[in-house]
Amino acid sequence: MAEENKTTTESGGVIPPDAQRKFESSKTHARKAAEDLKSAAGVMADDLKSAAGAMAEEYRGKAEQVWGDARDRARTLQEDSEQYVRENPTKAVFTALGIGFVLGLIFRR
């Protein structure tokens, strides 16, 4: 009768019931630990995802601000140069000719 509760292995060996219970307990514990790790990893992934989204929004806002500032500066520069050319047309033409001549010499070589 004591032999009825014992489990046998494939090679014919006998596994004591106490060892079988410890094995099942360890298996259950390992499954529980794996589930806990999986849920903790999910929580951490969600936290990282939300933090990355917040950082992306922050950098997007900064980039939009810098783009707006650059666009305003370019517009101001264009308006100032148009005003200068209207006030000094002769200087502007000779300056453009001089720059064109120098660039022509540089690119000719």
C-alpha atoms as a PDB file:
ATOM      1  CA  MET A   1       0.000   0.000   0.000  1.00  0.00           C
ATOM      2  CA  ALA A   2       2.827   2.414   0.671  1.00  0.00           C
ATOM      3  CA  GLU A   3       3.976   1.794  -2.870  1.00  0.00           C
ATOM      4  CA  GLU A   4       0.682   3.146  -4.321  1.00  0.00           C
ATOM      5  CA  ASN A   5       1.458   6.801  -3.373  1.00  0.00           C
ATOM      6  CA  LYS A   6       4.939   6.742  -4.909  1.00  0.00           C
ATOM      7  CA  THR A   7       5.513   8.091  -8.409  1.00  0.00           C
ATOM      8  CA  THR A   8       7.883   6.348 -10.767  1.00  0.00           C
ATOM      9  CA  THR A   9      10.235   7.960 -13.246  1.00  0.00           C
ATOM     10  CA  GLU A  10      10.779   6.943 -16.866  1.00  0.00           C
ATOM     11  CA  SER A  11      13.881   5.007 -15.932  1.00  0.00           C
ATOM     12  CA  GLY A  12      11.944   3.035 -13.361  1.00  0.00           C
ATOM     13  CA  GLY A  13      13.138   4.906 -10.243  1.00  0.00           C
ATOM     14  CA  VAL A  14      10.695   5.825  -7.497  1.00  0.00           C
ATOM     15  CA  ILE A  15      10.121   9.457  -6.438  1.00  0.00           C
ATOM     16  CA  PRO A  16       9.135   9.817  -2.771  1.00  0.00           C
ATOM     17  CA  PRO A  17       5.808  11.637  -2.175  1.00  0.00           C
ATOM     18  CA  ASP A  18       7.535  14.303  -0.056  1.00  0.00           C
ATOM     19  CA  ALA A  19       9.909  15.154  -2.918  1.00  0.00           C
ATOM     20  CA  GLN A  20       6.964  15.217  -5.338  1.00  0.00           C
ATOM     21  CA  ARG A  21       5.098  17.709  -3.089  1.00  0.00           C
ATOM     22  CA  LYS A  22       8.201  19.893  -2.771  1.00  0.00           C
ATOM     23  CA  PHE A  23       8.645  19.805  -6.537  1.00  0.00           C
ATOM     24  CA  GLU A  24       5.019  20.835  -7.130  1.00  0.00           C
ATOM     25  CA  SER A  25       5.325  23.562  -4.503  1.00  0.00           C
ATOM     26  CA  SER A  26       8.502  24.860  -6.135  1.00  0.00           C
ATOM     27  CA  LYS A  27       6.842  24.755  -9.540  1.00  0.00           C
ATOM     28  CA  THR A  28       3.865  26.735  -8.229  1.00  0.00           C
ATOM     29  CA  HIS A  29       6.183  29.219  -6.541  1.00  0.00           C
ATOM     30  CA  ALA A  30       8.219  29.666  -9.734  1.00  0.00           C
ATOM     31  CA  ARG A  31       5.040  30.271 -11.762  1.00  0.00           C
ATOM     32  CA  LYS A  32       3.856  32.850  -9.220  1.00  0.00           C
ATOM     33  CA  ALA A  33       7.253  34.578  -9.286  1.00  0.00           C
ATOM     34  CA  ALA A  34       7.192  34.639 -13.093  1.00  0.00           C
ATOM     35  CA  GLU A  35       3.704  36.170 -13.082  1.00  0.00           C
ATOM     36  CA  ASP A  36       4.818  38.787 -10.548  1.00  0.00           C
ATOM     37  CA  LEU A  37       7.842  39.651 -12.685  1.00  0.00           C
ATOM     38  CA  LYS A  38       5.676  39.866 -15.776  1.00  0.00           C
ATOM     39  CA  SER A  39       3.222  42.255 -14.121  1.00  0.00           C
ATOM     40  CA  ALA A  40       6.060  44.360 -12.682  1.00  0.00           C
ATOM     41  CA  ALA A  41       7.683  44.560 -16.111  1.00  0.00           C
ATOM     42  CA  GLY A  42       4.353  45.632 -17.599  1.00  0.00           C
ATOM     43  CA  VAL A  43       3.982  48.385 -15.026  1.00  0.00           C
ATOM     44  CA  MET A  44       7.545  49.575 -15.624  1.00  0.00           C
ATOM     45  CA  ALA A  45       6.987  49.534 -19.394  1.00  0.00           C
ATOM     46  CA  ASP A  46       3.846  51.639 -18.988  1.00  0.00           C
ATOM     47  CA  ASP A  47       5.711  54.104 -16.754  1.00  0.00           C
ATOM     48  CA  LEU A  48       8.564  54.388 -19.249  1.00  0.00           C
ATOM     49  CA  LYS A  49       6.117  54.817 -22.112  1.00  0.00           C
ATOM     50  CA  SER A  50       4.304  57.658 -20.370  1.00  0.00           C
ATOM     51  CA  ALA A  51       7.596  59.328 -19.396  1.00  0.00           C
ATOM     52  CA  ALA A  52       8.869  59.067 -22.968  1.00  0.00           C
ATOM     53  CA  GLY A  53       5.615  60.548 -24.250  1.00  0.00           C
ATOM     54  CA  ALA A  54       5.896  63.462 -21.844  1.00  0.00           C
ATOM     55  CA  MET A  55       9.491  64.109 -22.866  1.00  0.00           C
ATOM     56  CA  ALA A  56       8.550  63.926 -26.545  1.00  0.00           C
ATOM     57  CA  GLU A  57       5.799  66.510 -26.026  1.00  0.00           C
ATOM     58  CA  GLU A  58       8.212  68.764 -24.131  1.00  0.00           C
ATOM     59  CA  TYR A  59      10.841  68.594 -26.881  1.00  0.00           C
ATOM     60  CA  ARG A  60       8.182  69.066 -29.537  1.00  0.00           C
ATOM     61  CA  GLY A  61       7.062  72.263 -27.818  1.00  0.00           C
ATOM     62  CA  LYS A  62      10.640  73.514 -27.614  1.00  0.00           C
ATOM     63  CA  ALA A  63      11.256  72.684 -31.278  1.00  0.00           C
ATOM     64  CA  GLU A  64       8.117  74.539 -32.324  1.00  0.00           C
ATOM     65  CA  GLN A  65       9.210  77.546 -30.304  1.00  0.00           C
ATOM     66  CA  VAL A  66      12.703  77.549 -31.851  1.00  0.00           C
ATOM     67  CA  TRP A  67      11.200  77.141 -35.341  1.00  0.00           C
ATOM     68  CA  GLY A  68       8.896  80.093 -34.728  1.00  0.00           C
ATOM     69  CA  ASP A  69      11.788  82.240 -33.493  1.00  0.00           C
ATOM     70  CA  ALA A  70      13.922  81.333 -36.519  1.00  0.00           C
ATOM     71  CA  ARG A  71      11.043  82.105 -38.875  1.00  0.00           C
ATOM     72  CA  ASP A  72      10.534  85.496 -37.211  1.00  0.00           C
ATOM     73  CA  ARG A  73      14.248  86.299 -37.458  1.00  0.00           C
ATOM     74  CA  ALA A  74      14.327  85.372 -41.143  1.00  0.00           C
ATOM     75  CA  ARG A  75      11.287  87.550 -41.809  1.00  0.00           C
ATOM     76  CA  THR A  76      12.863  90.458 -39.935  1.00  0.00           C
ATOM     77  CA  LEU A  77      16.136  90.022 -41.820  1.00  0.00           C
ATOM     78  CA  GLN A  78      14.297  90.000 -45.131  1.00  0.00           C
ATOM     79  CA  GLU A  79      12.331  93.124 -44.249  1.00  0.00           C
ATOM     80  CA  ASP A  80      15.486  94.921 -43.071  1.00  0.00           C
ATOM     81  CA  SER A  81      17.404  94.027 -46.209  1.00  0.00           C
ATOM     82  CA  GLU A  82      14.510  95.154 -48.425  1.00  0.00           C
ATOM     83  CA  GLN A  83      14.395  98.452 -46.566  1.00  0.00           C
ATOM     84  CA  TYR A  84      18.180  98.886 -46.911  1.00  0.00           C
ATOM     85  CA  VAL A  85      18.042  98.223 -50.664  1.00  0.00           C
ATOM     86  CA  ARG A  86      15.197 100.727 -51.088  1.00  0.00           C
ATOM     87  CA  GLU A  87      17.136 103.370 -49.140  1.00  0.00           C
ATOM     88  CA  ASN A  88      20.553 102.658 -50.789  1.00  0.00           C
ATOM     89  CA  PRO A  89      19.953 101.216 -54.277  1.00  0.00           C
ATOM     90  CA  THR A  90      23.370 102.165 -55.677  1.00  0.00           C
ATOM     91  CA  LYS A  91      25.285 100.639 -52.758  1.00  0.00           C
ATOM     92  CA  ALA A  92      23.160  97.482 -52.972  1.00  0.00           C
ATOM     93  CA  VAL A  93      23.814  97.027 -56.707  1.00  0.00           C
ATOM     94  CA  PHE A  94      27.581  97.562 -56.385  1.00  0.00           C
ATOM     95  CA  THR A  95      27.726  95.274 -53.345  1.00  0.00           C
ATOM     96  CA  ALA A  96      25.877  92.552 -55.258  1.00  0.00           C
ATOM     97  CA  LEU A  97      28.222  92.986 -58.237  1.00  0.00           C
ATOM     98  CA  GLY A  98      31.279  92.762 -55.993  1.00  0.00           C
ATOM     99  CA  ILE A  99      30.034  89.644 -54.232  1.00  0.00           C
ATOM    100  CA  GLY A 100      29.125  88.054 -57.568  1.00  0.00           C
ATOM    101  CA  PHE A 101      32.572  88.841 -58.978  1.00  0.00           C
ATOM    102  CA  VAL A 102      34.367  87.341 -55.954  1.00  0.00           C
ATOM    103  CA  LEU A 103      32.197  84.223 -56.011  1.00  0.00           C
ATOM    104  CA  GLY A 104      32.804  83.874 -59.743  1.00  0.00           C
ATOM    105  CA  LEU A 105      36.557  83.943 -59.159  1.00  0.00           C
ATOM    106  CA  ILE A 106      36.309  81.379 -56.375  1.00  0.00           C
ATOM    107  CA  PHE A 107      34.139  78.912 -58.297  1.00  0.00           C
ATOM    108  CA  ARG A 108      36.067  79.339 -61.527  1.00  0.00           C
ATOM    109  CA  ARG A 109      39.118  77.595 -60.104  1.00  0.00           C
END
